[in-house]
Protein backbone atom coordinates (compact mmCIF):
# COMPACT_ATOMS: atom_id res chain seq x y z
CA UNK A 1 39.09 30.46 -90.69
CA UNK A 2 40.81 29.16 -87.56
CA UNK A 3 37.78 30.09 -85.43
CA UNK A 4 35.50 28.05 -87.73
CA UNK A 5 37.79 25.04 -87.31
CA UNK A 6 37.73 25.36 -83.53
CA UNK A 7 33.94 25.62 -83.52
CA UNK A 8 33.69 22.53 -85.71
CA UNK A 9 36.15 20.63 -83.52
CA UNK A 10 34.27 21.63 -80.36
CA UNK A 11 30.98 20.60 -81.91
CA UNK A 12 32.41 17.23 -82.92
CA UNK A 13 33.95 16.67 -79.50
CA UNK A 14 30.78 17.58 -77.65
CA UNK A 15 28.64 15.40 -79.88
CA UNK A 16 26.52 18.30 -81.05
CA UNK A 17 24.91 17.48 -84.35
CA UNK A 18 21.79 18.75 -85.90
CA UNK A 19 22.05 16.65 -89.03
CA UNK A 20 18.77 17.77 -90.43
CA UNK A 21 17.44 18.56 -93.88
CA UNK A 22 15.29 17.23 -96.60
CA UNK A 23 15.92 16.93 -100.26
CA UNK A 24 14.83 15.12 -103.37
CA UNK A 25 15.05 11.37 -103.11
CA UNK A 26 14.85 11.18 -99.33
CA UNK A 27 11.36 9.61 -99.26
CA UNK A 28 10.31 11.18 -95.99
CA UNK A 29 8.07 9.35 -93.58
CA UNK A 30 7.09 9.97 -89.97
CA UNK A 31 9.69 7.39 -88.92
CA UNK A 32 12.42 9.42 -90.63
CA UNK A 33 11.92 12.42 -88.33
CA UNK A 34 14.45 12.68 -85.52
CA UNK A 35 14.22 13.91 -81.99
CA UNK A 36 16.94 16.40 -81.13
CA UNK A 37 18.27 17.95 -77.91
CA UNK A 38 15.56 18.71 -75.42
CA UNK A 39 13.17 16.16 -76.94
CA UNK A 40 11.99 18.53 -79.66
CA UNK A 41 10.89 16.72 -82.81
CA UNK A 42 12.82 17.85 -85.86
CA UNK A 43 10.76 19.51 -88.54
CA UNK A 44 12.93 18.35 -91.41
CA UNK A 45 14.21 14.98 -92.56
CA UNK A 46 17.77 13.89 -91.91
CA UNK A 47 19.89 13.81 -95.06
CA UNK A 48 21.60 10.67 -93.81
CA UNK A 49 18.61 8.63 -92.62
CA UNK A 50 19.91 5.88 -94.88
CA UNK A 51 23.57 5.09 -95.66
CA UNK A 52 24.67 6.47 -99.01
CA UNK A 53 27.40 5.84 -101.55
CA UNK A 54 28.70 8.75 -103.61
CA UNK A 55 31.25 8.93 -106.40
CA UNK A 56 32.93 11.73 -108.27
CA UNK A 57 36.06 13.84 -108.15
CA UNK A 58 38.32 15.41 -105.55
CA UNK A 59 40.43 17.78 -107.61
CA UNK A 60 41.42 15.65 -110.61
CA UNK A 61 41.20 12.32 -108.74
CA UNK A 62 38.22 9.95 -108.88
CA UNK A 63 36.90 8.87 -105.48
CA UNK A 64 34.12 6.86 -103.88
CA UNK A 65 32.63 7.89 -100.53
CA UNK A 66 30.32 6.13 -98.09
CA UNK A 67 28.40 8.17 -95.48
CA UNK A 68 25.90 7.24 -92.77
CA UNK A 69 24.68 8.31 -89.35
CA UNK A 70 26.75 7.27 -86.35
CA UNK A 71 25.20 4.62 -84.08
CA UNK A 72 23.89 7.50 -81.96
CA UNK A 73 22.51 9.88 -84.62
CA UNK A 74 22.92 12.89 -82.31
CA UNK A 75 26.70 12.39 -82.62
CA UNK A 76 26.72 13.13 -86.35
CA UNK A 77 27.78 11.29 -89.46
CA UNK A 78 30.65 8.99 -90.30
CA UNK A 79 32.06 7.23 -93.29
CA UNK A 80 35.05 6.52 -95.47
CA UNK A 81 36.38 7.39 -98.87
CA UNK A 82 38.97 5.92 -101.17
CA UNK A 83 40.69 6.88 -104.37
CA UNK A 84 39.82 4.91 -107.50
CA UNK A 85 42.07 1.88 -107.88
CA UNK A 86 43.18 1.96 -104.23
CA UNK A 87 41.93 -0.14 -101.33
CA UNK A 88 43.07 2.14 -98.49
CA UNK A 89 40.10 3.85 -96.82
CA UNK A 90 40.29 7.30 -95.26
CA UNK A 91 37.98 7.79 -92.26
CA UNK A 92 35.41 10.59 -92.13
CA UNK A 93 33.41 12.10 -89.26
CA UNK A 94 31.34 15.23 -89.10
CA UNK A 95 27.99 16.91 -88.99
CA UNK A 96 25.35 18.44 -91.18
CA UNK A 97 22.78 21.15 -90.76
CA UNK A 98 20.20 21.68 -93.48
CA UNK A 99 22.23 21.15 -96.68
CA UNK A 100 25.61 22.15 -95.17
CA UNK A 101 27.98 19.25 -94.48
CA UNK A 102 31.28 19.55 -92.58
CA UNK A 103 33.57 16.53 -92.34
CA UNK A 104 37.01 15.90 -90.92
CA UNK A 105 39.12 13.09 -92.32
CA UNK A 106 41.75 10.93 -90.71
CA UNK A 107 44.22 8.59 -92.35
CA UNK A 108 45.33 6.99 -89.06
CA UNK A 109 42.07 7.18 -87.07
CA UNK A 110 43.50 9.69 -84.58
CA UNK A 111 44.80 12.82 -86.28
CA UNK A 112 42.78 15.07 -88.58
CA UNK A 113 44.42 15.08 -92.01
CA UNK A 114 41.89 17.11 -94.02
CA UNK A 115 38.54 18.86 -93.97
CA UNK A 116 35.51 18.81 -96.24
CA UNK A 117 33.07 21.74 -96.37
CA UNK A 118 30.20 21.43 -98.80
CA UNK A 119 26.52 21.22 -99.53
CA UNK A 120 24.39 18.18 -100.27
CA UNK A 121 21.64 19.39 -102.58
CA UNK A 122 19.50 16.80 -104.34
CA UNK A 123 21.90 14.08 -105.41
CA UNK A 124 25.04 16.28 -105.49
CA UNK A 125 27.54 16.85 -102.68
CA UNK A 126 29.99 19.59 -103.68
CA UNK A 127 32.36 22.01 -102.01
CA UNK A 128 35.99 22.36 -100.99
CA UNK A 129 38.45 19.93 -99.42
CA UNK A 130 41.45 21.39 -97.59
CA UNK A 131 44.43 20.35 -95.55
CA UNK A 132 44.11 21.27 -91.88
CA UNK A 133 46.36 24.31 -92.37
CA UNK A 134 44.53 25.37 -95.58
CA UNK A 135 47.82 25.15 -97.51
CA UNK A 136 46.14 22.95 -100.13
CA UNK A 137 42.52 23.22 -101.26
CA UNK A 138 40.69 21.24 -103.92
CA UNK A 139 37.14 21.34 -105.21
CA UNK A 140 35.03 18.21 -105.01
CA UNK A 141 31.83 17.13 -106.74
CA UNK A 142 30.20 13.83 -105.80
CA UNK A 143 26.92 12.31 -106.96
CA UNK A 144 24.81 9.96 -104.88
CA UNK A 145 25.02 6.54 -106.51
CA UNK A 146 23.04 4.50 -104.02
CA UNK A 147 21.04 4.91 -100.86
CA UNK A 148 20.83 1.70 -98.83
CA UNK A 149 18.11 0.62 -96.46
CA UNK A 150 18.90 1.33 -92.84
CA UNK A 151 18.90 -1.82 -90.70
């Protein structure tokens, strides 16, 4: 488990991200295809071509999450989430490959406070959230509520 975390951290630090996949509701077009390292055109559509809002549960708590590509799409995805009834936003950054999504969260913008490992299939993002030491794990299930036009 620790090796996986180091690989993820190295990938995030080096800006490696192959955030590629297609799924229902992504409305693929030629413009949606990305160019990845080495100038090779991606053969699948990026899951996060357009910013998305998701809502659902993290353990027993209701949450809302917003995800989108970083300004430089090769650097991965970013976003925030918040617990229902609270205004504080927790920062997210990570990567995706096919339907697999790995995110790290940060409460203060510097230190990693939790990790998300899941799959985005169709309109459902589900998997496991954990503290950085894996002492606490919780299941999560989120549904895509809205996909916004990219500007």
